[in-house]
PDB file of all heavy atoms in Angstrom:
ATOM      1  N   ASP A   1       7.229 -17.868 -24.846  1.00  0.00           N
ATOM      2  CA  ASP A   1       8.346 -16.847 -25.122  1.00  0.00           C
ATOM      3  C   ASP A   1       8.065 -15.550 -24.486  1.00  0.00           C
ATOM      4  O   ASP A   1       8.932 -14.834 -23.956  1.00  0.00           O
ATOM      5  CB  ASP A   1       8.554 -16.616 -26.657  1.00  0.00           C
ATOM      6  CG  ASP A   1       9.241 -17.925 -27.222  1.00  0.00           C
ATOM      7  OD1 ASP A   1       9.778 -18.673 -26.513  1.00  0.00           O
ATOM      8  OD2 ASP A   1       9.313 -17.914 -28.485  1.00  0.00           O
ATOM      9  N   GLY A   2       6.872 -15.049 -24.572  1.00  0.00           N
ATOM     10  CA  GLY A   2       6.498 -13.698 -24.111  1.00  0.00           C
ATOM     11  C   GLY A   2       6.537 -13.578 -22.544  1.00  0.00           C
ATOM     12  O   GLY A   2       6.474 -12.493 -22.042  1.00  0.00           O
ATOM     13  N   ALA A   3       6.705 -14.702 -21.870  1.00  0.00           N
ATOM     14  CA  ALA A   3       6.651 -14.612 -20.441  1.00  0.00           C
ATOM     15  C   ALA A   3       8.044 -14.421 -19.796  1.00  0.00           C
ATOM     16  O   ALA A   3       8.147 -14.378 -18.586  1.00  0.00           O
ATOM     17  CB  ALA A   3       6.027 -15.919 -19.817  1.00  0.00           C
ATOM     18  N   LEU A   4       9.096 -14.341 -20.618  1.00  0.00           N
ATOM     19  CA  LEU A   4      10.405 -14.316 -20.197  1.00  0.00           C
ATOM     20  C   LEU A   4      10.759 -12.947 -19.511  1.00  0.00           C
ATOM     21  O   LEU A   4      11.438 -12.889 -18.455  1.00  0.00           O
ATOM     22  CB  LEU A   4      11.432 -14.640 -21.149  1.00  0.00           C
ATOM     23  CG  LEU A   4      11.315 -16.048 -21.731  1.00  0.00           C
ATOM     24  CD1 LEU A   4      12.221 -16.231 -22.880  1.00  0.00           C
ATOM     25  CD2 LEU A   4      11.657 -17.070 -20.653  1.00  0.00           C
ATOM     26  N   ALA A   5      10.349 -11.823 -20.137  1.00  0.00           N
ATOM     27  CA  ALA A   5      10.682 -10.487 -19.663  1.00  0.00           C
ATOM     28  C   ALA A   5       9.622  -9.962 -18.699  1.00  0.00           C
ATOM     29  O   ALA A   5       8.508 -10.114 -18.912  1.00  0.00           O
ATOM     30  CB  ALA A   5      10.878  -9.604 -20.869  1.00  0.00           C
ATOM     31  N   ALA A   6      10.090  -9.292 -17.652  1.00  0.00           N
ATOM     32  CA  ALA A   6       9.149  -8.724 -16.712  1.00  0.00           C
ATOM     33  C   ALA A   6       9.387  -7.152 -16.752  1.00  0.00           C
ATOM     34  O   ALA A   6      10.581  -6.714 -16.847  1.00  0.00           O
ATOM     35  CB  ALA A   6       9.393  -9.263 -15.314  1.00  0.00           C
ATOM     36  N   PRO A   7       8.308  -6.396 -16.552  1.00  0.00           N
ATOM     37  CA  PRO A   7       8.515  -4.934 -16.587  1.00  0.00           C
ATOM     38  C   PRO A   7       9.105  -4.402 -15.281  1.00  0.00           C
ATOM     39  O   PRO A   7       9.165  -5.180 -14.372  1.00  0.00           O
ATOM     40  CB  PRO A   7       7.097  -4.412 -16.827  1.00  0.00           C
ATOM     41  CG  PRO A   7       6.224  -5.435 -16.128  1.00  0.00           C
ATOM     42  CD  PRO A   7       6.965  -6.780 -16.541  1.00  0.00           C
ATOM     43  N   GLY A   8       9.734  -3.246 -15.380  1.00  0.00           N
ATOM     44  CA  GLY A   8      10.283  -2.702 -14.133  1.00  0.00           C
ATOM     45  C   GLY A   8      11.740  -2.856 -13.924  1.00  0.00           C
ATOM     46  O   GLY A   8      12.396  -3.485 -14.836  1.00  0.00           O
ATOM     47  N   CYS A   9      12.239  -2.348 -12.964  1.00  0.00           N
ATOM     48  CA  CYS A   9      13.743  -2.327 -12.634  1.00  0.00           C
ATOM     49  C   CYS A   9      14.264  -3.693 -12.471  1.00  0.00           C
ATOM     50  O   CYS A   9      13.726  -4.435 -11.657  1.00  0.00           O
ATOM     51  CB  CYS A   9      14.017  -1.543 -11.325  1.00  0.00           C
ATOM     52  SG  CYS A   9      15.652  -1.751 -10.639  1.00  0.00           S
ATOM     53  N   PRO A  10      15.300  -4.034 -13.268  1.00  0.00           N
ATOM     54  CA  PRO A  10      15.830  -5.425 -13.137  1.00  0.00           C
ATOM     55  C   PRO A  10      16.634  -5.733 -11.971  1.00  0.00           C
ATOM     56  O   PRO A  10      17.002  -6.888 -11.717  1.00  0.00           O
ATOM     57  CB  PRO A  10      16.672  -5.609 -14.492  1.00  0.00           C
ATOM     58  CG  PRO A  10      17.139  -4.151 -14.726  1.00  0.00           C
ATOM     59  CD  PRO A  10      15.995  -3.285 -14.307  1.00  0.00           C
ATOM     60  N   PHE A  11      16.931  -4.726 -11.227  1.00  0.00           N
ATOM     61  CA  PHE A  11      17.778  -4.873  -9.952  1.00  0.00           C
ATOM     62  C   PHE A  11      17.100  -4.468  -8.736  1.00  0.00           C
ATOM     63  O   PHE A  11      17.723  -4.144  -7.725  1.00  0.00           O
ATOM     64  CB  PHE A  11      19.080  -4.041 -10.113  1.00  0.00           C
ATOM     65  CG  PHE A  11      19.920  -4.460 -11.299  1.00  0.00           C
ATOM     66  CD1 PHE A  11      20.026  -3.509 -12.388  1.00  0.00           C
ATOM     67  CD2 PHE A  11      20.427  -5.711 -11.504  1.00  0.00           C
ATOM     68  CE1 PHE A  11      20.785  -3.863 -13.508  1.00  0.00           C
ATOM     69  CE2 PHE A  11      21.172  -6.120 -12.573  1.00  0.00           C
ATOM     70  CZ  PHE A  11      21.385  -5.155 -13.597  1.00  0.00           C
ATOM     71  N   CYS A  12      15.725  -4.404  -8.698  1.00  0.00           N
ATOM     72  CA  CYS A  12      14.916  -3.915  -7.524  1.00  0.00           C
ATOM     73  C   CYS A  12      14.136  -5.099  -7.054  1.00  0.00           C
ATOM     74  O   CYS A  12      13.673  -5.957  -7.844  1.00  0.00           O
ATOM     75  CB  CYS A  12      14.041  -2.774  -7.970  1.00  0.00           C
ATOM     76  SG  CYS A  12      14.871  -1.384  -8.591  1.00  0.00           S
ATOM     77  N   PRO A  13      13.980  -5.227  -5.692  1.00  0.00           N
ATOM     78  CA  PRO A  13      13.109  -6.161  -5.183  1.00  0.00           C
ATOM     79  C   PRO A  13      11.639  -5.967  -5.463  1.00  0.00           C
ATOM     80  O   PRO A  13      11.331  -4.784  -5.763  1.00  0.00           O
ATOM     81  CB  PRO A  13      13.423  -6.160  -3.658  1.00  0.00           C
ATOM     82  CG  PRO A  13      13.778  -4.695  -3.488  1.00  0.00           C
ATOM     83  CD  PRO A  13      14.502  -4.271  -4.708  1.00  0.00           C
ATOM     84  N   PRO A  14      10.738  -6.903  -5.349  1.00  0.00           N
ATOM     85  CA  PRO A  14       9.305  -6.576  -5.486  1.00  0.00           C
ATOM     86  C   PRO A  14       8.921  -5.498  -4.497  1.00  0.00           C
ATOM     87  O   PRO A  14       9.374  -5.515  -3.385  1.00  0.00           O
ATOM     88  CB  PRO A  14       8.569  -7.938  -5.180  1.00  0.00           C
ATOM     89  CG  PRO A  14       9.688  -8.966  -5.511  1.00  0.00           C
ATOM     90  CD  PRO A  14      11.024  -8.310  -5.099  1.00  0.00           C
ATOM     91  N   SER A  15       8.034  -4.563  -4.825  1.00  0.00           N
ATOM     92  CA  SER A  15       7.579  -3.545  -4.066  1.00  0.00           C
ATOM     93  C   SER A  15       6.136  -3.590  -3.769  1.00  0.00           C
ATOM     94  O   SER A  15       5.407  -4.130  -4.559  1.00  0.00           O
ATOM     95  CB  SER A  15       8.000  -2.207  -4.626  1.00  0.00           C
ATOM     96  OG  SER A  15       7.341  -1.998  -5.859  1.00  0.00           O
ATOM     97  N   GLN A  16       5.721  -2.993  -2.642  1.00  0.00           N
ATOM     98  CA  GLN A  16       4.369  -2.817  -2.353  1.00  0.00           C
ATOM     99  C   GLN A  16       3.715  -1.852  -3.179  1.00  0.00           C
ATOM    100  O   GLN A  16       4.402  -1.010  -3.831  1.00  0.00           O
ATOM    101  CB  GLN A  16       4.206  -2.477  -0.795  1.00  0.00           C
ATOM    102  CG  GLN A  16       4.745  -3.505   0.218  1.00  0.00           C
ATOM    103  CD  GLN A  16       3.971  -4.792   0.121  1.00  0.00           C
ATOM    104  OE1 GLN A  16       2.758  -4.726   0.058  1.00  0.00           O
ATOM    105  NE2 GLN A  16       4.701  -5.858   0.162  1.00  0.00           N
ATOM    106  N   PRO A  17       2.338  -1.673  -3.244  1.00  0.00           N
ATOM    107  CA  PRO A  17       1.703  -0.634  -4.035  1.00  0.00           C
ATOM    108  C   PRO A  17       2.252   0.701  -3.610  1.00  0.00           C
ATOM    109  O   PRO A  17       2.406   0.997  -2.332  1.00  0.00           O
ATOM    110  CB  PRO A  17       0.207  -0.865  -3.668  1.00  0.00           C
ATOM    111  CG  PRO A  17       0.119  -2.244  -3.319  1.00  0.00           C
ATOM    112  CD  PRO A  17       1.326  -2.636  -2.635  1.00  0.00           C
ATOM    113  N   THR A  18       2.471   1.618  -4.466  1.00  0.00           N
ATOM    114  CA  THR A  18       2.946   2.941  -4.152  1.00  0.00           C
ATOM    115  C   THR A  18       1.728   3.745  -3.676  1.00  0.00           C
ATOM    116  O   THR A  18       0.651   3.333  -3.822  1.00  0.00           O
ATOM    117  CB  THR A  18       3.522   3.591  -5.397  1.00  0.00           C
ATOM    118  OG1 THR A  18       2.546   3.779  -6.369  1.00  0.00           O
ATOM    119  CG2 THR A  18       4.704   2.769  -6.019  1.00  0.00           C
ATOM    120  N   LEU A  19       2.087   4.858  -3.060  1.00  0.00           N
ATOM    121  CA  LEU A  19       1.026   5.751  -2.616  1.00  0.00           C
ATOM    122  C   LEU A  19       0.092   6.231  -3.691  1.00  0.00           C
ATOM    123  O   LEU A  19      -1.165   6.305  -3.530  1.00  0.00           O
ATOM    124  CB  LEU A  19       1.668   6.997  -1.897  1.00  0.00           C
ATOM    125  CG  LEU A  19       2.347   6.597  -0.567  1.00  0.00           C
ATOM    126  CD1 LEU A  19       3.135   7.834   0.011  1.00  0.00           C
ATOM    127  CD2 LEU A  19       1.414   6.077   0.517  1.00  0.00           C
ATOM    128  N   SER A  20       0.678   6.544  -4.894  1.00  0.00           N
ATOM    129  CA  SER A  20      -0.192   6.982  -6.010  1.00  0.00           C
ATOM    130  C   SER A  20      -1.108   5.864  -6.402  1.00  0.00           C
ATOM    131  O   SER A  20      -2.213   6.104  -6.816  1.00  0.00           O
ATOM    132  CB  SER A  20       0.718   7.562  -7.111  1.00  0.00           C
ATOM    133  OG  SER A  20       1.530   6.523  -7.685  1.00  0.00           O
ATOM    134  N   GLU A  21      -0.596   4.591  -6.414  1.00  0.00           N
ATOM    135  CA  GLU A  21      -1.414   3.469  -6.731  1.00  0.00           C
ATOM    136  C   GLU A  21      -2.581   3.278  -5.731  1.00  0.00           C
ATOM    137  O   GLU A  21      -3.668   3.007  -6.179  1.00  0.00           O
ATOM    138  CB  GLU A  21      -0.589   2.197  -6.867  1.00  0.00           C
ATOM    139  CG  GLU A  21       0.395   2.147  -8.126  1.00  0.00           C
ATOM    140  CD  GLU A  21       1.323   0.968  -8.118  1.00  0.00           C
ATOM    141  OE1 GLU A  21       1.573   0.479  -7.045  1.00  0.00           O
ATOM    142  OE2 GLU A  21       1.649   0.483  -9.242  1.00  0.00           O
ATOM    143  N   LYS A  22      -2.236   3.423  -4.490  1.00  0.00           N
ATOM    144  CA  LYS A  22      -3.260   3.320  -3.429  1.00  0.00           C
ATOM    145  C   LYS A  22      -4.276   4.405  -3.592  1.00  0.00           C
ATOM    146  O   LYS A  22      -5.508   4.168  -3.424  1.00  0.00           O
ATOM    147  CB  LYS A  22      -2.625   3.355  -2.061  1.00  0.00           C
ATOM    148  CG  LYS A  22      -1.717   2.211  -1.767  1.00  0.00           C
ATOM    149  CD  LYS A  22      -1.231   2.188  -0.366  1.00  0.00           C
ATOM    150  CE  LYS A  22      -2.234   1.797   0.612  1.00  0.00           C
ATOM    151  NZ  LYS A  22      -1.843   1.609   1.928  1.00  0.00           N
ATOM    152  N   VAL A  23      -3.882   5.638  -3.932  1.00  0.00           N
ATOM    153  CA  VAL A  23      -4.859   6.695  -4.188  1.00  0.00           C
ATOM    154  C   VAL A  23      -5.857   6.319  -5.311  1.00  0.00           C
ATOM    155  O   VAL A  23      -6.965   6.465  -5.257  1.00  0.00           O
ATOM    156  CB  VAL A  23      -4.051   8.021  -4.521  1.00  0.00           C
ATOM    157  CG1 VAL A  23      -5.076   9.069  -5.030  1.00  0.00           C
ATOM    158  CG2 VAL A  23      -3.439   8.543  -3.281  1.00  0.00           C
ATOM    159  N   ALA A  24      -5.212   5.846  -6.395  1.00  0.00           N
ATOM    160  CA  ALA A  24      -5.991   5.516  -7.625  1.00  0.00           C
ATOM    161  C   ALA A  24      -7.010   4.328  -7.375  1.00  0.00           C
ATOM    162  O   ALA A  24      -8.065   4.268  -7.975  1.00  0.00           O
ATOM    163  CB  ALA A  24      -5.104   5.092  -8.760  1.00  0.00           C
ATOM    164  N   GLU A  25      -6.649   3.432  -6.380  1.00  0.00           N
ATOM    165  CA  GLU A  25      -7.492   2.259  -6.166  1.00  0.00           C
ATOM    166  C   GLU A  25      -8.518   2.540  -5.018  1.00  0.00           C
ATOM    167  O   GLU A  25      -9.343   1.717  -4.817  1.00  0.00           O
ATOM    168  CB  GLU A  25      -6.655   1.138  -5.775  1.00  0.00           C
ATOM    169  CG  GLU A  25      -5.660   0.597  -6.875  1.00  0.00           C
ATOM    170  CD  GLU A  25      -4.621  -0.325  -6.381  1.00  0.00           C
ATOM    171  OE1 GLU A  25      -4.590  -0.590  -5.178  1.00  0.00           O
ATOM    172  OE2 GLU A  25      -3.880  -0.823  -7.235  1.00  0.00           O
ATOM    173  N   SER A  26      -8.497   3.703  -4.407  1.00  0.00           N
ATOM    174  CA  SER A  26      -9.297   4.016  -3.261  1.00  0.00           C
ATOM    175  C   SER A  26     -10.524   4.855  -3.583  1.00  0.00           C
ATOM    176  O   SER A  26     -10.438   5.648  -4.513  1.00  0.00           O
ATOM    177  CB  SER A  26      -8.570   4.628  -2.169  1.00  0.00           C
ATOM    178  OG  SER A  26      -7.482   3.831  -1.710  1.00  0.00           O
ATOM    179  N   ASP A  27     -11.693   4.552  -2.942  1.00  0.00           N
ATOM    180  CA  ASP A  27     -12.851   5.482  -3.021  1.00  0.00           C
ATOM    181  C   ASP A  27     -12.677   6.694  -2.073  1.00  0.00           C
ATOM    182  O   ASP A  27     -13.257   7.707  -2.317  1.00  0.00           O
ATOM    183  CB  ASP A  27     -14.113   4.696  -2.554  1.00  0.00           C
ATOM    184  CG  ASP A  27     -14.428   3.559  -3.413  1.00  0.00           C
ATOM    185  OD1 ASP A  27     -14.199   3.672  -4.668  1.00  0.00           O
ATOM    186  OD2 ASP A  27     -14.934   2.552  -2.918  1.00  0.00           O
ATOM    187  N   MET A  28     -11.816   6.541  -1.071  1.00  0.00           N
ATOM    188  CA  MET A  28     -11.647   7.549  -0.017  1.00  0.00           C
ATOM    189  C   MET A  28     -10.210   7.676   0.293  1.00  0.00           C
ATOM    190  O   MET A  28      -9.522   6.713   0.570  1.00  0.00           O
ATOM    191  CB  MET A  28     -12.520   7.245   1.210  1.00  0.00           C
ATOM    192  CG  MET A  28     -13.925   7.246   0.948  1.00  0.00           C
ATOM    193  SD  MET A  28     -14.831   6.391   2.239  1.00  0.00           S
ATOM    194  CE  MET A  28     -14.423   4.720   2.078  1.00  0.00           C
ATOM    195  N   VAL A  29      -9.633   8.902   0.250  1.00  0.00           N
ATOM    196  CA  VAL A  29      -8.328   9.212   0.806  1.00  0.00           C
ATOM    197  C   VAL A  29      -8.485  10.411   1.693  1.00  0.00           C
ATOM    198  O   VAL A  29      -8.829  11.569   1.262  1.00  0.00           O
ATOM    199  CB  VAL A  29      -7.299   9.483  -0.402  1.00  0.00           C
ATOM    200  CG1 VAL A  29      -5.863   9.733   0.094  1.00  0.00           C
ATOM    201  CG2 VAL A  29      -7.331   8.429  -1.454  1.00  0.00           C
ATOM    202  N   VAL A  30      -8.310  10.134   2.984  1.00  0.00           N
ATOM    203  CA  VAL A  30      -8.590  11.254   3.970  1.00  0.00           C
ATOM    204  C   VAL A  30      -7.486  11.456   4.861  1.00  0.00           C
ATOM    205  O   VAL A  30      -6.836  10.442   5.404  1.00  0.00           O
ATOM    206  CB  VAL A  30      -9.878  10.776   4.799  1.00  0.00           C
ATOM    207  CG1 VAL A  30     -10.217  11.802   5.763  1.00  0.00           C
ATOM    208  CG2 VAL A  30     -11.051  10.464   3.847  1.00  0.00           C
ATOM    209  N   LEU A  31      -7.081  12.602   5.129  1.00  0.00           N
ATOM    210  CA  LEU A  31      -6.022  13.081   6.081  1.00  0.00           C
ATOM    211  C   LEU A  31      -6.706  13.222   7.482  1.00  0.00           C
ATOM    212  O   LEU A  31      -7.734  13.939   7.529  1.00  0.00           O
ATOM    213  CB  LEU A  31      -5.257  14.353   5.670  1.00  0.00           C
ATOM    214  CG  LEU A  31      -4.221  14.809   6.756  1.00  0.00           C
ATOM    215  CD1 LEU A  31      -3.014  13.855   6.673  1.00  0.00           C
ATOM    216  CD2 LEU A  31      -3.750  16.255   6.299  1.00  0.00           C
ATOM    217  N   VAL A  32      -6.270  12.490   8.441  1.00  0.00           N
ATOM    218  CA  VAL A  32      -6.884  12.516   9.742  1.00  0.00           C
ATOM    219  C   VAL A  32      -5.864  12.778  10.818  1.00  0.00           C
ATOM    220  O   VAL A  32      -4.647  12.580  10.550  1.00  0.00           O
ATOM    221  CB  VAL A  32      -7.682  11.214  10.074  1.00  0.00           C
ATOM    222  CG1 VAL A  32      -8.750  11.010   8.997  1.00  0.00           C
ATOM    223  CG2 VAL A  32      -6.696  10.026  10.082  1.00  0.00           C
ATOM    224  N   GLN A  33      -6.349  13.086  12.019  1.00  0.00           N
ATOM    225  CA  GLN A  33      -5.517  13.262  13.130  1.00  0.00           C
ATOM    226  C   GLN A  33      -5.966  12.250  14.250  1.00  0.00           C
ATOM    227  O   GLN A  33      -7.160  12.143  14.447  1.00  0.00           O
ATOM    228  CB  GLN A  33      -5.330  14.638  13.669  1.00  0.00           C
ATOM    229  CG  GLN A  33      -6.595  15.345  14.181  1.00  0.00           C
ATOM    230  CD  GLN A  33      -6.317  16.751  14.601  1.00  0.00           C
ATOM    231  OE1 GLN A  33      -5.190  17.212  14.690  1.00  0.00           O
ATOM    232  NE2 GLN A  33      -7.446  17.459  14.871  1.00  0.00           N
ATOM    233  N   TRP A  34      -5.045  11.663  15.037  1.00  0.00           N
ATOM    234  CA  TRP A  34      -5.365  10.768  16.049  1.00  0.00           C
ATOM    235  C   TRP A  34      -5.979  11.489  17.209  1.00  0.00           C
ATOM    236  O   TRP A  34      -5.611  12.509  17.711  1.00  0.00           O
ATOM    237  CB  TRP A  34      -4.035  10.066  16.570  1.00  0.00           C
ATOM    238  CG  TRP A  34      -4.233   8.951  17.490  1.00  0.00           C
ATOM    239  CD1 TRP A  34      -4.380   7.595  17.066  1.00  0.00           C
ATOM    240  CD2 TRP A  34      -4.253   8.931  18.887  1.00  0.00           C
ATOM    241  NE1 TRP A  34      -4.475   6.772  18.159  1.00  0.00           N
ATOM    242  CE2 TRP A  34      -4.512   7.581  19.281  1.00  0.00           C
ATOM    243  CE3 TRP A  34      -4.266   9.887  19.804  1.00  0.00           C
ATOM    244  CZ2 TRP A  34      -4.543   7.292  20.686  1.00  0.00           C
ATOM    245  CZ3 TRP A  34      -4.303   9.635  21.171  1.00  0.00           C
ATOM    246  CH2 TRP A  34      -4.541   8.266  21.579  1.00  0.00           C
ATOM    247  N   VAL A  35      -7.142  10.877  17.669  1.00  0.00           N
ATOM    248  CA  VAL A  35      -7.791  11.369  18.841  1.00  0.00           C
ATOM    249  C   VAL A  35      -7.702  10.454  20.078  1.00  0.00           C
ATOM    250  O   VAL A  35      -7.208  10.870  21.116  1.00  0.00           O
ATOM    251  CB  VAL A  35      -9.323  11.539  18.517  1.00  0.00           C
ATOM    252  CG1 VAL A  35     -10.110  12.065  19.800  1.00  0.00           C
ATOM    253  CG2 VAL A  35      -9.505  12.520  17.314  1.00  0.00           C
ATOM    254  N   GLU A  36      -8.095   9.170  19.949  1.00  0.00           N
ATOM    255  CA  GLU A  36      -7.925   8.317  21.051  1.00  0.00           C
ATOM    256  C   GLU A  36      -8.139   6.866  20.571  1.00  0.00           C
ATOM    257  O   GLU A  36      -8.634   6.637  19.495  1.00  0.00           O
ATOM    258  CB  GLU A  36      -8.978   8.540  22.162  1.00  0.00           C
ATOM    259  CG  GLU A  36     -10.375   8.355  21.680  1.00  0.00           C
ATOM    260  CD  GLU A  36     -11.398   8.541  22.891  1.00  0.00           C
ATOM    261  OE1 GLU A  36     -10.927   8.832  23.963  1.00  0.00           O
ATOM    262  OE2 GLU A  36     -12.611   8.579  22.527  1.00  0.00           O
ATOM    263  N   SER A  37      -7.711   5.826  21.332  1.00  0.00           N
ATOM    264  CA  SER A  37      -7.846   4.487  21.058  1.00  0.00           C
ATOM    265  C   SER A  37      -8.388   3.815  22.299  1.00  0.00           C
ATOM    266  O   SER A  37      -7.991   4.125  23.443  1.00  0.00           O
ATOM    267  CB  SER A  37      -6.726   3.851  20.484  1.00  0.00           C
ATOM    268  OG  SER A  37      -5.543   3.915  21.457  1.00  0.00           O
ATOM    269  N   GLN A  38      -9.126   2.691  22.138  1.00  0.00           N
ATOM    270  CA  GLN A  38      -9.713   1.925  23.232  1.00  0.00           C
ATOM    271  C   GLN A  38      -9.587   0.456  22.987  1.00  0.00           C
ATOM    272  O   GLN A  38      -9.702   0.026  21.927  1.00  0.00           O
ATOM    273  CB  GLN A  38     -11.221   2.304  23.479  1.00  0.00           C
ATOM    274  CG  GLN A  38     -11.443   3.761  23.706  1.00  0.00           C
ATOM    275  CD  GLN A  38     -12.868   4.114  23.835  1.00  0.00           C
ATOM    276  OE1 GLN A  38     -13.781   3.145  23.874  1.00  0.00           O
ATOM    277  NE2 GLN A  38     -13.252   5.351  23.990  1.00  0.00           N
ATOM    278  N   SER A  39      -9.434  -0.220  24.072  1.00  0.00           N
ATOM    279  CA  SER A  39      -9.408  -1.714  23.966  1.00  0.00           C
ATOM    280  C   SER A  39      -9.584  -2.311  25.452  1.00  0.00           C
ATOM    281  O   SER A  39      -9.344  -1.620  26.395  1.00  0.00           O
ATOM    282  CB  SER A  39      -8.065  -2.253  23.375  1.00  0.00           C
ATOM    283  OG  SER A  39      -7.012  -1.919  24.211  1.00  0.00           O
ATOM    284  N   ASP A  40      -9.934  -3.558  25.429  1.00  0.00           N
ATOM    285  CA  ASP A  40      -9.979  -4.264  26.744  1.00  0.00           C
ATOM    286  C   ASP A  40      -8.674  -4.642  27.226  1.00  0.00           C
ATOM    287  O   ASP A  40      -8.010  -5.369  26.506  1.00  0.00           O
ATOM    288  CB  ASP A  40     -10.844  -5.566  26.467  1.00  0.00           C
ATOM    289  CG  ASP A  40     -11.218  -6.298  27.814  1.00  0.00           C
ATOM    290  OD1 ASP A  40     -10.433  -6.023  28.723  1.00  0.00           O
ATOM    291  OD2 ASP A  40     -12.170  -7.110  27.847  1.00  0.00           O
ATOM    292  N   PRO A  41      -8.224  -4.142  28.383  1.00  0.00           N
ATOM    293  CA  PRO A  41      -6.872  -4.471  28.895  1.00  0.00           C
ATOM    294  C   PRO A  41      -6.653  -5.980  28.964  1.00  0.00           C
ATOM    295  O   PRO A  41      -5.503  -6.407  28.864  1.00  0.00           O
ATOM    296  CB  PRO A  41      -6.802  -3.789  30.299  1.00  0.00           C
ATOM    297  CG  PRO A  41      -8.046  -3.116  30.459  1.00  0.00           C
ATOM    298  CD  PRO A  41      -9.041  -3.339  29.338  1.00  0.00           C
ATOM    299  N   ASN A  42      -7.671  -6.768  29.239  1.00  0.00           N
ATOM    300  CA  ASN A  42      -7.502  -8.284  29.352  1.00  0.00           C
ATOM    301  C   ASN A  42      -7.460  -8.956  28.040  1.00  0.00           C
ATOM    302  O   ASN A  42      -7.051 -10.077  27.879  1.00  0.00           O
ATOM    303  CB  ASN A  42      -8.587  -8.709  30.209  1.00  0.00           C
ATOM    304  CG  ASN A  42      -8.513  -8.247  31.649  1.00  0.00           C
ATOM    305  OD1 ASN A  42      -7.463  -8.084  32.199  1.00  0.00           O
ATOM    306  ND2 ASN A  42      -9.702  -7.880  32.161  1.00  0.00           N
ATOM    307  N   ASP A  43      -8.009  -8.233  26.978  1.00  0.00           N
ATOM    308  CA  ASP A  43      -8.087  -8.848  25.637  1.00  0.00           C
ATOM    309  C   ASP A  43      -7.997  -7.670  24.613  1.00  0.00           C
ATOM    310  O   ASP A  43      -9.089  -7.207  24.176  1.00  0.00           O
ATOM    311  CB  ASP A  43      -9.349  -9.655  25.412  1.00  0.00           C
ATOM    312  CG  ASP A  43      -9.325 -10.410  24.113  1.00  0.00           C
ATOM    313  OD1 ASP A  43      -8.368 -10.288  23.291  1.00  0.00           O
ATOM    314  OD2 ASP A  43     -10.316 -11.102  23.809  1.00  0.00           O
TER     315      ASP A  43
END
């Protein structure tokens, strides 16, 4: 009986973790700026 109701908006699709949830679950939250990227052009 208790499994019938689910919390949250009844008209919303399933959502990914929110930013605040990701903050709470992380050891590190760091603002960075892009410098460069490298890869093998053949692979």
